[in-house]
Amino acid sequence: MLVDVAGKVVLVTGGGRGIGRVLTERFHAEGSRVVALDVAFGDAPPDHLSLRCDVSDQESVRQAVGEVLDRFGAVDVLVNNAGINVEGPVADLDPEQWRRAFDVNVTGTFLMSQAVIPTMKSRRSGRIINAASFAAIVPSVGSAAYAASKAAVVQLTRVLASELGPWDVTVNAYAPGMIPTAMNGFADLPEPDQARLLDMLSLRRWGRPEDVADLVCFLASDAAQYITGTLVDVSGGKLSTQMPQRAYDL
């Protein structure tokens, strides 16, 4: 089976750093016409087209998507990767931080999806792929804002999948697990804390951004044309059983 995304016009939000940067690089390597959207790109912008865009701002989204359509004439794949983490117990959580989590994680996904729906409908094809999180499956103490926003992304994904089904546009979400990034700092934790986290995984090793890129490229390809409205867990089997580490002690 060939996972072919060559020639597809692909937008990746949050494409300037972290997993988003790896996603844009993978699509670029696979021959896609990829555009990275981000609020900032630092000192090393991607080799491919990059546009500044605040996904929580409707006008910023309209301008960015409009520029892509002017240049390429279509959007085949939208990867709503942009997201932020907000931590803190509910009793102490700043309402502005709560709203910001939903503005970026949920409203950003909504606005970007809304902006590309007309071109996908007109072509009767398209892929929308949304970044959820394992937190949408099993949340953690102190992650109410993040977990709730990612759970909302999952439900938005399911509704969009049915609404866009008549035009053969598929909509799916992916749930990364323990993939060290600058946002979560897993790789910088003390060794005992890392071991405790890894003990939750059936595949007892950190995930890689490339593992997410493998899945997203598949979902973007024609090989996934009959998959829609689903959340795909890419977490190394996190909490598949209550104590997966016991298998390593046998």
Protein backbone atom coordinates (compact mmCIF):
# COMPACT_ATOMS: atom_id res chain seq x y z
CA MET A 1 0.00 0.00 0.00
CA LEU A 2 1.36 3.38 -1.01
CA VAL A 3 0.73 6.31 1.29
CA ASP A 4 0.91 9.06 -1.30
CA VAL A 5 0.43 12.75 -0.46
CA ALA A 6 2.57 14.13 -3.28
CA GLY A 7 1.17 17.26 -4.86
CA LYS A 8 -1.45 17.86 -2.18
CA VAL A 9 -1.79 21.37 -0.77
CA VAL A 10 -1.34 20.93 2.98
CA LEU A 11 -1.81 23.54 5.71
CA VAL A 12 -0.27 22.83 9.12
CA THR A 13 -1.10 25.21 11.95
CA GLY A 14 1.51 25.61 14.64
CA GLY A 15 3.93 24.52 11.95
CA GLY A 16 6.87 26.57 13.14
CA ARG A 17 7.97 24.44 16.06
CA GLY A 18 7.65 21.14 17.90
CA ILE A 19 5.49 18.41 16.39
CA GLY A 20 4.09 20.90 13.90
CA ARG A 21 7.55 21.58 12.50
CA VAL A 22 8.12 17.85 12.03
CA LEU A 23 4.74 17.50 10.32
CA THR A 24 5.54 20.24 7.82
CA GLU A 25 8.96 18.75 7.12
CA ARG A 26 7.45 15.30 6.56
CA PHE A 27 4.80 16.54 4.14
CA HIS A 28 7.45 18.57 2.33
CA ALA A 29 9.66 15.48 2.03
CA GLU A 30 6.70 13.50 0.70
CA GLY A 31 6.22 16.00 -2.13
CA SER A 32 3.26 17.94 -0.77
CA ARG A 33 2.88 21.66 -1.32
CA VAL A 34 2.95 22.46 2.36
CA VAL A 35 2.28 25.74 4.11
CA ALA A 36 3.21 26.25 7.76
CA LEU A 37 1.07 28.66 9.74
CA ASP A 38 2.23 30.00 13.10
CA VAL A 39 2.27 33.14 15.18
CA ALA A 40 6.09 33.18 15.05
CA PHE A 41 8.85 31.20 13.37
CA GLY A 42 11.96 32.27 15.27
CA ASP A 43 15.35 32.49 13.61
CA ALA A 44 14.98 29.42 11.40
CA PRO A 45 11.77 29.54 9.32
CA PRO A 46 10.91 26.39 7.36
CA ASP A 47 12.30 25.89 3.86
CA HIS A 48 8.75 25.75 2.48
CA LEU A 49 6.12 28.50 2.50
CA SER A 50 5.36 29.90 5.94
CA LEU A 51 2.74 32.46 6.90
CA ARG A 52 2.11 34.22 10.16
CA CYS A 53 -1.35 33.42 11.47
CA ASP A 54 -3.11 33.60 14.82
CA VAL A 55 -5.63 30.77 14.60
CA SER A 56 -7.76 32.31 17.36
CA ASP A 57 -8.33 35.46 15.27
CA GLN A 58 -10.91 35.18 12.48
CA GLU A 59 -9.42 37.89 10.27
CA SER A 60 -5.92 36.46 10.59
CA VAL A 61 -7.26 33.05 9.56
CA ARG A 62 -9.16 34.50 6.60
CA GLN A 63 -6.11 36.33 5.35
CA ALA A 64 -3.82 33.30 5.63
CA VAL A 65 -6.22 30.87 3.98
CA GLY A 66 -7.03 33.45 1.31
CA GLU A 67 -3.34 33.82 0.48
CA VAL A 68 -2.96 30.06 0.18
CA LEU A 69 -5.98 29.83 -2.11
CA ASP A 70 -4.68 32.68 -4.26
CA ARG A 71 -1.36 30.89 -4.62
CA PHE A 72 -2.43 27.25 -4.99
CA GLY A 73 -6.12 27.39 -5.83
CA ALA A 74 -7.16 24.82 -3.23
CA VAL A 75 -6.53 23.28 0.15
CA ASP A 76 -6.46 19.48 0.14
CA VAL A 77 -5.40 18.85 3.72
CA LEU A 78 -5.72 20.92 6.88
CA VAL A 79 -3.83 19.79 9.97
CA ASN A 80 -5.05 21.70 13.01
CA ASN A 81 -1.93 21.15 15.07
CA ALA A 82 -1.69 24.52 16.87
CA GLY A 83 -2.36 24.30 20.57
CA ILE A 84 -1.33 25.56 23.98
CA ASN A 85 -1.16 23.95 27.40
CA VAL A 86 -2.73 25.58 30.43
CA GLU A 87 -2.18 23.97 33.84
CA GLY A 88 -3.57 24.58 37.28
CA PRO A 89 -6.24 23.28 39.65
CA VAL A 90 -9.75 24.49 38.93
CA ALA A 91 -9.94 26.31 42.26
CA ASP A 92 -6.98 28.52 41.33
CA LEU A 93 -7.26 28.71 37.55
CA ASP A 94 -7.28 32.19 36.02
CA PRO A 95 -10.44 32.49 33.87
CA GLU A 96 -8.39 34.30 31.23
CA GLN A 97 -6.10 31.29 30.97
CA TRP A 98 -9.13 29.02 30.70
CA ARG A 99 -10.51 31.14 27.87
CA ARG A 100 -7.13 31.26 26.13
CA ALA A 101 -6.93 27.46 26.10
CA PHE A 102 -10.31 27.28 24.38
CA ASP A 103 -9.53 30.20 22.07
CA VAL A 104 -6.48 28.48 20.61
CA ASN A 105 -7.28 24.79 20.95
CA VAL A 106 -10.99 24.81 20.10
CA THR A 107 -11.86 28.11 18.42
CA GLY A 108 -8.66 27.92 16.37
CA THR A 109 -9.66 24.49 15.09
CA PHE A 110 -13.18 25.76 14.37
CA LEU A 111 -12.04 28.89 12.51
CA MET A 112 -9.45 27.09 10.39
CA SER A 113 -11.89 24.32 9.50
CA GLN A 114 -14.61 26.83 8.65
CA ALA A 115 -12.20 28.71 6.38
CA VAL A 116 -11.29 25.68 4.26
CA ILE A 117 -14.73 24.06 4.07
CA PRO A 118 -15.88 26.02 0.98
CA THR A 119 -12.91 24.96 -1.16
CA MET A 120 -13.14 21.36 0.01
CA LYS A 121 -16.87 21.24 -0.71
CA SER A 122 -16.37 22.74 -4.17
CA ARG A 123 -13.82 20.04 -5.01
CA ARG A 124 -15.81 17.32 -3.22
CA SER A 125 -12.70 16.10 -1.44
CA GLY A 126 -10.48 17.02 1.47
CA ARG A 127 -8.95 16.00 4.75
CA ILE A 128 -9.21 17.81 8.07
CA ILE A 129 -6.99 16.32 10.77
CA ASN A 130 -7.19 17.70 14.30
CA ALA A 131 -4.72 17.46 17.15
CA ALA A 132 -6.45 16.20 20.26
CA SER A 133 -4.46 14.68 23.12
CA PHE A 134 -4.42 11.63 25.34
CA ALA A 135 -5.72 14.10 27.93
CA ALA A 136 -9.02 13.98 26.04
CA ILE A 137 -9.18 10.25 26.86
CA VAL A 138 -7.79 10.22 30.41
CA PRO A 139 -7.19 13.68 31.92
CA SER A 140 -4.72 14.52 34.66
CA VAL A 141 -5.17 16.45 37.88
CA GLY A 142 -4.42 20.09 37.16
CA SER A 143 -5.23 19.79 33.44
CA ALA A 144 -8.88 20.82 33.41
CA ALA A 145 -8.51 23.60 30.83
CA TYR A 146 -6.29 21.60 28.50
CA ALA A 147 -8.20 18.33 28.81
CA ALA A 148 -11.60 19.95 28.41
CA SER A 149 -10.48 21.88 25.34
CA LYS A 150 -9.03 18.77 23.71
CA ALA A 151 -12.17 16.78 24.49
CA ALA A 152 -14.09 19.55 22.74
CA VAL A 153 -11.84 19.11 19.70
CA VAL A 154 -12.78 15.43 19.59
CA GLN A 155 -16.51 16.19 19.57
CA LEU A 156 -16.03 18.96 16.99
CA THR A 157 -14.20 16.41 14.85
CA ARG A 158 -17.10 13.95 15.03
CA VAL A 159 -19.71 16.55 14.14
CA LEU A 160 -17.65 17.89 11.24
CA ALA A 161 -17.11 14.36 9.91
CA SER A 162 -20.85 13.86 9.52
CA GLU A 163 -21.55 17.37 8.25
CA LEU A 164 -18.89 17.06 5.54
CA GLY A 165 -19.47 13.42 4.63
CA PRO A 166 -21.77 14.25 1.69
CA TRP A 167 -18.81 15.98 0.02
CA ASP A 168 -16.35 13.12 0.68
CA VAL A 169 -14.39 15.29 3.11
CA THR A 170 -13.05 13.24 6.00
CA VAL A 171 -12.37 14.63 9.47
CA ASN A 172 -10.32 12.79 12.07
CA ALA A 173 -8.39 13.54 15.24
CA TYR A 174 -5.21 12.12 16.71
CA ALA A 175 -4.23 11.81 20.36
CA PRO A 176 -0.49 11.95 20.99
CA GLY A 177 0.67 10.50 24.28
CA MET A 178 4.09 10.94 25.84
CA ILE A 179 6.13 12.68 23.18
CA PRO A 180 8.76 14.96 24.72
CA THR A 181 8.39 18.54 23.55
CA ALA A 182 9.34 21.96 24.85
CA MET A 183 5.73 22.39 25.98
CA ASN A 184 5.61 19.30 28.25
CA GLY A 185 9.27 19.02 29.27
CA PHE A 186 9.13 15.22 29.71
CA ALA A 187 12.75 14.72 28.65
CA ASP A 188 13.97 17.23 31.26
CA LEU A 189 12.31 15.54 34.23
CA PRO A 190 14.40 13.74 36.88
CA GLU A 191 15.03 10.09 36.06
CA PRO A 192 12.59 8.70 38.68
CA ASP A 193 9.81 10.91 37.31
CA GLN A 194 10.54 9.81 33.75
CA ALA A 195 10.45 6.17 34.84
CA ARG A 196 7.09 6.67 36.54
CA LEU A 197 5.62 8.11 33.36
CA LEU A 198 7.12 5.44 31.13
CA ASP A 199 5.62 2.76 33.37
CA MET A 200 2.20 3.79 31.98
CA LEU A 201 3.16 2.71 28.44
CA SER A 202 2.79 -0.71 26.83
CA LEU A 203 5.67 0.28 24.55
CA ARG A 204 7.92 1.56 27.32
CA ARG A 205 9.70 4.34 25.46
CA TRP A 206 9.05 7.95 24.63
CA GLY A 207 7.14 8.64 21.46
CA ARG A 208 8.68 10.70 18.66
CA PRO A 209 7.14 13.48 16.59
CA GLU A 210 7.85 11.25 13.60
CA ASP A 211 5.38 8.71 14.99
CA VAL A 212 2.68 11.36 14.79
CA ALA A 213 3.82 12.37 11.30
CA ASP A 214 3.46 8.76 10.12
CA LEU A 215 -0.16 8.69 11.28
CA VAL A 216 -1.08 12.13 9.97
CA CYS A 217 0.36 11.40 6.53
CA PHE A 218 -1.67 8.20 6.40
CA LEU A 219 -4.87 10.02 7.39
CA ALA A 220 -4.14 12.64 4.72
CA SER A 221 -3.72 10.03 2.00
CA ASP A 222 -6.20 8.20 -0.22
CA ALA A 223 -5.43 5.05 1.77
CA ALA A 224 -7.56 6.52 4.59
CA GLN A 225 -10.50 7.56 2.41
CA TYR A 226 -13.03 5.47 4.40
CA ILE A 227 -11.86 6.58 7.85
CA THR A 228 -13.69 9.54 9.33
CA GLY A 229 -15.08 10.79 12.61
CA THR A 230 -12.55 8.91 14.69
CA LEU A 231 -9.91 9.63 17.31
CA VAL A 232 -6.68 7.70 16.76
CA ASP A 233 -4.54 7.13 19.84
CA VAL A 234 -0.80 7.38 19.12
CA SER A 235 0.49 6.89 22.64
CA GLY A 236 2.43 3.63 22.71
CA GLY A 237 -0.47 1.89 24.41
CA LYS A 238 -0.70 4.27 27.35
CA LEU A 239 -2.83 2.73 30.10
CA SER A 240 -3.99 -0.07 27.81
CA THR A 241 -3.92 -2.05 31.04
CA GLN A 242 -3.86 -0.82 34.61
CA MET A 243 -0.16 -1.58 35.14
CA PRO A 244 1.51 -2.21 31.78
CA GLN A 245 4.97 -2.11 33.38
CA ARG A 246 4.32 -5.53 34.91
CA ALA A 247 4.94 -7.13 31.51
CA TYR A 248 8.54 -5.89 31.73
CA ASP A 249 9.00 -7.62 35.07
CA LEU A 250 7.98 -11.09 33.86
